[in-house]
All heavy atoms as atom14 arrays in JSON, in Angstrom:
{
  "sequence": "ATGRTGKHIIQEALNSGHRISAIARDPNQLKDFEIDITAGTP",
  "atom14_mask": [
    [1, 1, 1, 1, 1, 0, 0, 0, 0, 0, 0, 0, 0, 0],
    [1, 1, 1, 1, 1, 1, 1, 0, 0, 0, 0, 0, 0, 0],
    [1, 1, 1, 1, 0, 0, 0, 0, 0, 0, 0, 0, 0, 0],
    [1, 1, 1, 1, 1, 1, 1, 1, 1, 1, 1, 0, 0, 0],
    [1, 1, 1, 1, 1, 1, 1, 0, 0, 0, 0, 0, 0, 0],
    [1, 1, 1, 1, 0, 0, 0, 0, 0, 0, 0, 0, 0, 0],
    [1, 1, 1, 1, 1, 1, 1, 1, 1, 0, 0, 0, 0, 0],
    [1, 1, 1, 1, 1, 1, 1, 1, 1, 1, 0, 0, 0, 0],
    [1, 1, 1, 1, 1, 1, 1, 1, 0, 0, 0, 0, 0, 0],
    [1, 1, 1, 1, 1, 1, 1, 1, 0, 0, 0, 0, 0, 0],
    [1, 1, 1, 1, 1, 1, 1, 1, 1, 0, 0, 0, 0, 0],
    [1, 1, 1, 1, 1, 1, 1, 1, 1, 0, 0, 0, 0, 0],
    [1, 1, 1, 1, 1, 0, 0, 0, 0, 0, 0, 0, 0, 0],
    [1, 1, 1, 1, 1, 1, 1, 1, 0, 0, 0, 0, 0, 0],
    [1, 1, 1, 1, 1, 1, 1, 1, 0, 0, 0, 0, 0, 0],
    [1, 1, 1, 1, 1, 1, 0, 0, 0, 0, 0, 0, 0, 0],
    [1, 1, 1, 1, 0, 0, 0, 0, 0, 0, 0, 0, 0, 0],
    [1, 1, 1, 1, 1, 1, 1, 1, 1, 1, 0, 0, 0, 0],
    [1, 1, 1, 1, 1, 1, 1, 1, 1, 1, 1, 0, 0, 0],
    [1, 1, 1, 1, 1, 1, 1, 1, 0, 0, 0, 0, 0, 0],
    [1, 1, 1, 1, 1, 1, 0, 0, 0, 0, 0, 0, 0, 0],
    [1, 1, 1, 1, 1, 0, 0, 0, 0, 0, 0, 0, 0, 0],
    [1, 1, 1, 1, 1, 1, 1, 1, 0, 0, 0, 0, 0, 0],
    [1, 1, 1, 1, 1, 0, 0, 0, 0, 0, 0, 0, 0, 0],
    [1, 1, 1, 1, 1, 1, 1, 1, 1, 1, 1, 0, 0, 0],
    [1, 1, 1, 1, 1, 1, 1, 1, 0, 0, 0, 0, 0, 0],
    [1, 1, 1, 1, 1, 1, 1, 0, 0, 0, 0, 0, 0, 0],
    [1, 1, 1, 1, 1, 1, 1, 1, 0, 0, 0, 0, 0, 0],
    [1, 1, 1, 1, 1, 1, 1, 1, 1, 0, 0, 0, 0, 0],
    [1, 1, 1, 1, 1, 1, 1, 1, 0, 0, 0, 0, 0, 0],
    [1, 1, 1, 1, 1, 1, 1, 1, 1, 0, 0, 0, 0, 0],
    [1, 1, 1, 1, 1, 1, 1, 1, 0, 0, 0, 0, 0, 0],
    [1, 1, 1, 1, 1, 1, 1, 1, 1, 1, 1, 0, 0, 0],
    [1, 1, 1, 1, 1, 1, 1, 1, 1, 0, 0, 0, 0, 0],
    [1, 1, 1, 1, 1, 1, 1, 1, 0, 0, 0, 0, 0, 0],
    [1, 1, 1, 1, 1, 1, 1, 1, 0, 0, 0, 0, 0, 0],
    [1, 1, 1, 1, 1, 1, 1, 1, 0, 0, 0, 0, 0, 0],
    [1, 1, 1, 1, 1, 1, 1, 0, 0, 0, 0, 0, 0, 0],
    [1, 1, 1, 1, 1, 0, 0, 0, 0, 0, 0, 0, 0, 0],
    [1, 1, 1, 1, 0, 0, 0, 0, 0, 0, 0, 0, 0, 0],
    [1, 1, 1, 1, 1, 1, 1, 0, 0, 0, 0, 0, 0, 0],
    [1, 1, 1, 1, 1, 1, 1, 0, 0, 0, 0, 0, 0, 0]
  ],
  "atom14_positions": [
    [[47.8, 31.69, 11.87], [47.57, 32.84, 12.74], [48.38, 32.82, 14.03], [48.66, 33.87, 14.59], [46.09, 32.95, 13.07], [0.0, 0.0, 0.0], [0.0, 0.0, 0.0], [0.0, 0.0, 0.0], [0.0, 0.0, 0.0], [0.0, 0.0, 0.0], [0.0, 0.0, 0.0], [0.0, 0.0, 0.0], [0.0, 0.0, 0.0], [0.0, 0.0, 0.0]],
    [[48.76, 31.65, 14.52], [49.46, 31.58, 15.79], [50.98, 31.8, 15.66], [51.67, 31.91, 16.66], [49.21, 30.24, 16.5], [49.67, 29.17, 15.67], [47.74, 30.07, 16.83], [0.0, 0.0, 0.0], [0.0, 0.0, 0.0], [0.0, 0.0, 0.0], [0.0, 0.0, 0.0], [0.0, 0.0, 0.0], [0.0, 0.0, 0.0], [0.0, 0.0, 0.0]],
    [[51.47, 31.87, 14.44], [52.89, 32.11, 14.22], [53.24, 33.58, 14.32], [52.37, 34.44, 14.44], [0.0, 0.0, 0.0], [0.0, 0.0, 0.0], [0.0, 0.0, 0.0], [0.0, 0.0, 0.0], [0.0, 0.0, 0.0], [0.0, 0.0, 0.0], [0.0, 0.0, 0.0], [0.0, 0.0, 0.0], [0.0, 0.0, 0.0], [0.0, 0.0, 0.0]],
    [[54.53, 33.88, 14.26], [54.99, 35.28, 14.37], [54.4, 36.16, 13.27], [53.88, 37.23, 13.54], [56.51, 35.35, 14.31], [57.18, 34.84, 15.56], [58.66, 34.84, 15.38], [58.95, 33.87, 14.3], [60.14, 33.48, 13.95], [61.19, 33.96, 14.53], [60.31, 32.6, 12.99], [0.0, 0.0, 0.0], [0.0, 0.0, 0.0], [0.0, 0.0, 0.0]],
    [[54.47, 35.71, 12.04], [53.96, 36.5, 10.93], [52.44, 36.62, 11.02], [51.88, 37.7, 10.81], [54.36, 35.88, 9.57], [55.79, 35.76, 9.53], [53.87, 36.72, 8.41], [0.0, 0.0, 0.0], [0.0, 0.0, 0.0], [0.0, 0.0, 0.0], [0.0, 0.0, 0.0], [0.0, 0.0, 0.0], [0.0, 0.0, 0.0], [0.0, 0.0, 0.0]],
    [[51.77, 35.53, 11.33], [50.32, 35.54, 11.44], [49.82, 36.53, 12.48], [48.86, 37.26, 12.24], [0.0, 0.0, 0.0], [0.0, 0.0, 0.0], [0.0, 0.0, 0.0], [0.0, 0.0, 0.0], [0.0, 0.0, 0.0], [0.0, 0.0, 0.0], [0.0, 0.0, 0.0], [0.0, 0.0, 0.0], [0.0, 0.0, 0.0], [0.0, 0.0, 0.0]],
    [[50.48, 36.58, 13.62], [50.07, 37.51, 14.68], [50.26, 38.97, 14.26], [49.45, 39.83, 14.59], [50.8, 37.21, 15.98], [50.29, 35.95, 16.65], [51.0, 35.66, 17.95], [50.45, 34.39, 18.59], [51.15, 34.05, 19.83], [0.0, 0.0, 0.0], [0.0, 0.0, 0.0], [0.0, 0.0, 0.0], [0.0, 0.0, 0.0], [0.0, 0.0, 0.0]],
    [[51.32, 39.24, 13.51], [51.54, 40.61, 13.01], [50.44, 40.99, 12.0], [49.93, 42.11, 12.03], [52.91, 40.75, 12.34], [54.04, 40.79, 13.32], [54.22, 41.83, 14.21], [55.07, 39.93, 13.52], [55.3, 41.59, 14.94], [55.84, 40.45, 14.54], [0.0, 0.0, 0.0], [0.0, 0.0, 0.0], [0.0, 0.0, 0.0], [0.0, 0.0, 0.0]],
    [[50.11, 40.05, 11.14], [49.06, 40.33, 10.15], [47.73, 40.56, 10.84], [46.98, 41.49, 10.48], [48.97, 39.17, 9.13], [50.19, 39.22, 8.23], [47.67, 39.26, 8.32], [50.34, 38.04, 7.31], [0.0, 0.0, 0.0], [0.0, 0.0, 0.0], [0.0, 0.0, 0.0], [0.0, 0.0, 0.0], [0.0, 0.0, 0.0], [0.0, 0.0, 0.0]],
    [[47.4, 39.75, 11.84], [46.15, 39.94, 12.59], [46.12, 41.33, 13.2], [45.12, 42.05, 13.07], [46.0, 38.88, 13.7], [45.7, 37.52, 13.08], [44.89, 39.27, 14.68], [45.72, 36.37, 14.07], [0.0, 0.0, 0.0], [0.0, 0.0, 0.0], [0.0, 0.0, 0.0], [0.0, 0.0, 0.0], [0.0, 0.0, 0.0], [0.0, 0.0, 0.0]],
    [[47.18, 41.75, 13.87], [47.2, 43.05, 14.53], [47.04, 44.18, 13.52], [46.26, 45.11, 13.75], [48.48, 43.24, 15.34], [48.44, 44.47, 16.23], [47.3, 44.41, 17.24], [47.28, 43.53, 18.08], [46.35, 45.33, 17.14], [0.0, 0.0, 0.0], [0.0, 0.0, 0.0], [0.0, 0.0, 0.0], [0.0, 0.0, 0.0], [0.0, 0.0, 0.0]],
    [[47.74, 44.11, 12.42], [47.65, 45.16, 11.39], [46.25, 45.21, 10.78], [45.71, 46.29, 10.55], [48.7, 44.96, 10.3], [50.1, 45.28, 10.75], [50.26, 46.73, 11.18], [49.75, 47.64, 10.5], [50.9, 46.95, 12.22], [0.0, 0.0, 0.0], [0.0, 0.0, 0.0], [0.0, 0.0, 0.0], [0.0, 0.0, 0.0], [0.0, 0.0, 0.0]],
    [[45.67, 44.04, 10.54], [44.32, 44.0, 9.96], [43.29, 44.56, 10.94], [42.39, 45.32, 10.54], [43.96, 42.57, 9.57], [0.0, 0.0, 0.0], [0.0, 0.0, 0.0], [0.0, 0.0, 0.0], [0.0, 0.0, 0.0], [0.0, 0.0, 0.0], [0.0, 0.0, 0.0], [0.0, 0.0, 0.0], [0.0, 0.0, 0.0], [0.0, 0.0, 0.0]],
    [[43.42, 44.22, 12.21], [42.5, 44.77, 13.21], [42.67, 46.28, 13.33], [41.68, 47.01, 13.43], [42.73, 44.1, 14.57], [42.31, 42.64, 14.68], [42.76, 42.05, 16.02], [40.8, 42.49, 14.51], [0.0, 0.0, 0.0], [0.0, 0.0, 0.0], [0.0, 0.0, 0.0], [0.0, 0.0, 0.0], [0.0, 0.0, 0.0], [0.0, 0.0, 0.0]],
    [[43.91, 46.75, 13.3], [44.17, 48.19, 13.36], [43.55, 48.93, 12.17], [43.21, 50.1, 12.27], [45.67, 48.48, 13.4], [46.32, 48.07, 14.7], [45.65, 47.83, 15.69], [47.64, 47.99, 14.69], [0.0, 0.0, 0.0], [0.0, 0.0, 0.0], [0.0, 0.0, 0.0], [0.0, 0.0, 0.0], [0.0, 0.0, 0.0], [0.0, 0.0, 0.0]],
    [[43.4, 48.22, 11.06], [42.82, 48.81, 9.85], [41.3, 48.64, 9.79], [40.68, 48.99, 8.8], [43.45, 48.18, 8.6], [44.83, 48.48, 8.56], [0.0, 0.0, 0.0], [0.0, 0.0, 0.0], [0.0, 0.0, 0.0], [0.0, 0.0, 0.0], [0.0, 0.0, 0.0], [0.0, 0.0, 0.0], [0.0, 0.0, 0.0], [0.0, 0.0, 0.0]],
    [[40.72, 48.04, 10.84], [39.27, 47.91, 10.91], [38.68, 46.65, 10.31], [37.46, 46.56, 10.15], [0.0, 0.0, 0.0], [0.0, 0.0, 0.0], [0.0, 0.0, 0.0], [0.0, 0.0, 0.0], [0.0, 0.0, 0.0], [0.0, 0.0, 0.0], [0.0, 0.0, 0.0], [0.0, 0.0, 0.0], [0.0, 0.0, 0.0], [0.0, 0.0, 0.0]],
    [[39.52, 45.69, 9.97], [39.01, 44.44, 9.39], [38.59, 43.46, 10.49], [39.03, 43.56, 11.63], [40.09, 43.79, 8.51], [40.5, 44.64, 7.37], [39.68, 44.92, 6.31], [41.66, 45.32, 7.13], [40.3, 45.71, 5.46], [41.52, 45.97, 5.95], [0.0, 0.0, 0.0], [0.0, 0.0, 0.0], [0.0, 0.0, 0.0], [0.0, 0.0, 0.0]],
    [[37.75, 42.52, 10.11], [37.37, 41.43, 11.01], [38.23, 40.23, 10.62], [38.56, 40.04, 9.46], [35.89, 41.09, 10.85], [34.99, 42.23, 11.34], [33.52, 41.97, 11.08], [33.29, 41.98, 9.65], [32.65, 41.02, 8.98], [32.14, 39.99, 9.59], [32.5, 41.09, 7.67], [0.0, 0.0, 0.0], [0.0, 0.0, 0.0], [0.0, 0.0, 0.0]],
    [[38.58, 39.41, 11.62], [39.51, 38.31, 11.39], [38.89, 36.99, 11.81], [38.24, 36.88, 12.85], [40.82, 38.51, 12.18], [41.49, 39.83, 11.81], [41.78, 37.33, 11.98], [41.96, 39.91, 10.39], [0.0, 0.0, 0.0], [0.0, 0.0, 0.0], [0.0, 0.0, 0.0], [0.0, 0.0, 0.0], [0.0, 0.0, 0.0], [0.0, 0.0, 0.0]],
    [[39.16, 35.97, 10.99], [38.85, 34.59, 11.31], [40.18, 33.84, 11.29], [41.06, 34.17, 10.5], [37.89, 34.0, 10.26], [37.62, 32.65, 10.52], [0.0, 0.0, 0.0], [0.0, 0.0, 0.0], [0.0, 0.0, 0.0], [0.0, 0.0, 0.0], [0.0, 0.0, 0.0], [0.0, 0.0, 0.0], [0.0, 0.0, 0.0], [0.0, 0.0, 0.0]],
    [[40.32, 32.86, 12.18], [41.57, 32.1, 12.24], [41.29, 30.67, 12.65], [40.28, 30.38, 13.29], [42.54, 32.74, 13.22], [0.0, 0.0, 0.0], [0.0, 0.0, 0.0], [0.0, 0.0, 0.0], [0.0, 0.0, 0.0], [0.0, 0.0, 0.0], [0.0, 0.0, 0.0], [0.0, 0.0, 0.0], [0.0, 0.0, 0.0], [0.0, 0.0, 0.0]],
    [[42.2, 29.78, 12.28], [42.16, 28.38, 12.7], [43.34, 28.17, 13.64], [44.45, 28.6, 13.34], [42.3, 27.44, 11.49], [41.14, 27.65, 10.52], [42.37, 25.98, 11.95], [41.3, 26.93, 9.2], [0.0, 0.0, 0.0], [0.0, 0.0, 0.0], [0.0, 0.0, 0.0], [0.0, 0.0, 0.0], [0.0, 0.0, 0.0], [0.0, 0.0, 0.0]],
    [[43.07, 27.52, 14.77], [44.16, 27.27, 15.73], [43.95, 25.95, 16.43], [42.84, 25.66, 16.88], [44.24, 28.4, 16.75], [0.0, 0.0, 0.0], [0.0, 0.0, 0.0], [0.0, 0.0, 0.0], [0.0, 0.0, 0.0], [0.0, 0.0, 0.0], [0.0, 0.0, 0.0], [0.0, 0.0, 0.0], [0.0, 0.0, 0.0], [0.0, 0.0, 0.0]],
    [[45.0, 25.16, 16.52], [44.92, 23.92, 17.32], [44.74, 24.27, 18.78], [44.06, 23.59, 19.52], [46.19, 23.08, 17.12], [46.25, 22.4, 15.78], [47.48, 21.53, 15.68], [48.67, 22.35, 15.7], [49.48, 22.53, 14.68], [49.25, 21.92, 13.55], [50.54, 23.31, 14.77], [0.0, 0.0, 0.0], [0.0, 0.0, 0.0], [0.0, 0.0, 0.0]],
    [[45.38, 25.37, 19.21], [45.26, 25.85, 20.59], [44.74, 27.28, 20.56], [45.52, 28.23, 20.47], [46.62, 25.79, 21.28], [46.58, 26.28, 22.72], [45.47, 26.54, 23.24], [47.66, 26.41, 23.32], [0.0, 0.0, 0.0], [0.0, 0.0, 0.0], [0.0, 0.0, 0.0], [0.0, 0.0, 0.0], [0.0, 0.0, 0.0], [0.0, 0.0, 0.0]],
    [[43.42, 27.46, 20.62], [42.83, 28.8, 20.57], [43.36, 29.76, 21.64], [43.33, 30.97, 21.45], [41.34, 28.55, 20.75], [41.13, 27.16, 20.24], [42.39, 26.43, 20.66], [0.0, 0.0, 0.0], [0.0, 0.0, 0.0], [0.0, 0.0, 0.0], [0.0, 0.0, 0.0], [0.0, 0.0, 0.0], [0.0, 0.0, 0.0], [0.0, 0.0, 0.0]],
    [[43.88, 29.25, 22.74], [44.42, 30.11, 23.8], [45.61, 30.95, 23.31], [45.9, 31.99, 23.87], [44.85, 29.29, 25.01], [43.65, 28.8, 25.8], [42.64, 29.49, 25.89], [43.76, 27.6, 26.35], [0.0, 0.0, 0.0], [0.0, 0.0, 0.0], [0.0, 0.0, 0.0], [0.0, 0.0, 0.0], [0.0, 0.0, 0.0], [0.0, 0.0, 0.0]],
    [[46.27, 30.51, 22.24], [47.4, 31.27, 21.7], [46.95, 32.58, 21.07], [47.77, 33.46, 20.82], [48.16, 30.43, 20.67], [48.91, 29.29, 21.27], [49.76, 28.58, 20.23], [50.08, 29.13, 19.18], [50.13, 27.35, 20.52], [0.0, 0.0, 0.0], [0.0, 0.0, 0.0], [0.0, 0.0, 0.0], [0.0, 0.0, 0.0], [0.0, 0.0, 0.0]],
    [[45.64, 32.7, 20.81], [45.11, 33.91, 20.18], [44.16, 34.67, 21.09], [43.4, 35.52, 20.65], [44.39, 33.53, 18.87], [45.27, 32.87, 17.81], [44.42, 32.36, 16.67], [46.33, 33.85, 17.31], [0.0, 0.0, 0.0], [0.0, 0.0, 0.0], [0.0, 0.0, 0.0], [0.0, 0.0, 0.0], [0.0, 0.0, 0.0], [0.0, 0.0, 0.0]],
    [[44.22, 34.38, 22.39], [43.28, 34.97, 23.34], [43.41, 36.49, 23.48], [42.48, 37.15, 23.91], [43.43, 34.32, 24.71], [44.76, 34.6, 25.37], [44.89, 33.91, 26.7], [46.28, 34.22, 27.26], [46.6, 33.44, 28.4], [0.0, 0.0, 0.0], [0.0, 0.0, 0.0], [0.0, 0.0, 0.0], [0.0, 0.0, 0.0], [0.0, 0.0, 0.0]],
    [[44.53, 37.05, 23.06], [44.74, 38.5, 23.17], [44.04, 39.28, 22.05], [44.02, 40.51, 22.08], [46.23, 38.83, 23.17], [46.94, 38.27, 24.38], [46.29, 38.08, 25.43], [48.16, 38.02, 24.29], [0.0, 0.0, 0.0], [0.0, 0.0, 0.0], [0.0, 0.0, 0.0], [0.0, 0.0, 0.0], [0.0, 0.0, 0.0], [0.0, 0.0, 0.0]],
    [[43.49, 38.58, 21.07], [42.84, 39.22, 19.94], [41.34, 38.98, 19.97], [40.89, 37.9, 20.34], [43.38, 38.66, 18.61], [44.85, 38.85, 18.42], [45.72, 37.78, 18.56], [45.37, 40.08, 18.1], [47.08, 37.93, 18.36], [46.74, 40.25, 17.91], [47.59, 39.18, 18.04], [0.0, 0.0, 0.0], [0.0, 0.0, 0.0], [0.0, 0.0, 0.0]],
    [[40.57, 39.98, 19.57], [39.12, 39.84, 19.45], [38.82, 39.4, 18.03], [38.55, 40.23, 17.15], [38.44, 41.16, 19.79], [38.72, 41.61, 21.2], [37.46, 41.91, 21.97], [36.37, 41.82, 21.41], [37.6, 42.26, 23.15], [0.0, 0.0, 0.0], [0.0, 0.0, 0.0], [0.0, 0.0, 0.0], [0.0, 0.0, 0.0], [0.0, 0.0, 0.0]],
    [[38.89, 38.07, 17.8], [38.7, 37.51, 16.47], [37.85, 36.24, 16.58], [37.64, 35.71, 17.66], [40.05, 37.18, 15.8], [40.82, 36.13, 16.6], [40.89, 38.44, 15.64], [42.09, 35.64, 15.93], [0.0, 0.0, 0.0], [0.0, 0.0, 0.0], [0.0, 0.0, 0.0], [0.0, 0.0, 0.0], [0.0, 0.0, 0.0], [0.0, 0.0, 0.0]],
    [[37.38, 35.77, 15.41], [36.66, 34.49, 15.35], [37.7, 33.38, 15.22], [38.5, 33.4, 14.28], [35.73, 34.45, 14.14], [34.64, 35.49, 14.21], [34.23, 35.86, 15.33], [34.18, 35.93, 13.14], [0.0, 0.0, 0.0], [0.0, 0.0, 0.0], [0.0, 0.0, 0.0], [0.0, 0.0, 0.0], [0.0, 0.0, 0.0], [0.0, 0.0, 0.0]],
    [[37.68, 32.44, 16.16], [38.66, 31.35, 16.13], [37.93, 30.03, 15.95], [36.99, 29.73, 16.68], [39.47, 31.3, 17.43], [40.19, 32.64, 17.67], [40.48, 30.15, 17.39], [40.81, 32.75, 19.04], [0.0, 0.0, 0.0], [0.0, 0.0, 0.0], [0.0, 0.0, 0.0], [0.0, 0.0, 0.0], [0.0, 0.0, 0.0], [0.0, 0.0, 0.0]],
    [[38.39, 29.26, 14.97], [37.89, 27.91, 14.76], [38.97, 26.96, 15.25], [40.1, 26.99, 14.76], [37.6, 27.66, 13.26], [36.65, 28.62, 12.81], [37.06, 26.26, 13.05], [0.0, 0.0, 0.0], [0.0, 0.0, 0.0], [0.0, 0.0, 0.0], [0.0, 0.0, 0.0], [0.0, 0.0, 0.0], [0.0, 0.0, 0.0], [0.0, 0.0, 0.0]],
    [[38.63, 26.15, 16.24], [39.6, 25.18, 16.78], [39.77, 24.05, 15.78], [38.8, 23.52, 15.24], [39.12, 24.64, 18.11], [0.0, 0.0, 0.0], [0.0, 0.0, 0.0], [0.0, 0.0, 0.0], [0.0, 0.0, 0.0], [0.0, 0.0, 0.0], [0.0, 0.0, 0.0], [0.0, 0.0, 0.0], [0.0, 0.0, 0.0], [0.0, 0.0, 0.0]],
    [[41.03, 23.72, 15.52], [41.3, 22.62, 14.6], [42.58, 22.84, 13.84], [43.45, 23.61, 14.27], [0.0, 0.0, 0.0], [0.0, 0.0, 0.0], [0.0, 0.0, 0.0], [0.0, 0.0, 0.0], [0.0, 0.0, 0.0], [0.0, 0.0, 0.0], [0.0, 0.0, 0.0], [0.0, 0.0, 0.0], [0.0, 0.0, 0.0], [0.0, 0.0, 0.0]],
    [[42.67, 22.19, 12.71], [43.88, 22.24, 11.89], [43.51, 22.64, 10.46], [42.44, 22.27, 9.97], [44.61, 20.88, 11.89], [45.7, 20.93, 10.97], [43.7, 19.74, 11.51], [0.0, 0.0, 0.0], [0.0, 0.0, 0.0], [0.0, 0.0, 0.0], [0.0, 0.0, 0.0], [0.0, 0.0, 0.0], [0.0, 0.0, 0.0], [0.0, 0.0, 0.0]],
    [[44.38, 23.37, 9.79], [44.09, 23.76, 8.41], [44.18, 22.6, 7.43], [43.9, 22.76, 6.24], [45.15, 24.82, 8.11], [46.26, 24.53, 9.04], [45.61, 23.97, 10.28], [0.0, 0.0, 0.0], [0.0, 0.0, 0.0], [0.0, 0.0, 0.0], [0.0, 0.0, 0.0], [0.0, 0.0, 0.0], [0.0, 0.0, 0.0], [0.0, 0.0, 0.0]]
  ]
}
């Protein structure tokens, strides 16, 4: 989710009304999105 492609997918999914969950080592990289973030590694 924190990569270029992941961020585009998150934005498009949110625009379409979906809810998003993501895993991030650094949750601050996703602070601009209203999503569920699990801190850690895949």
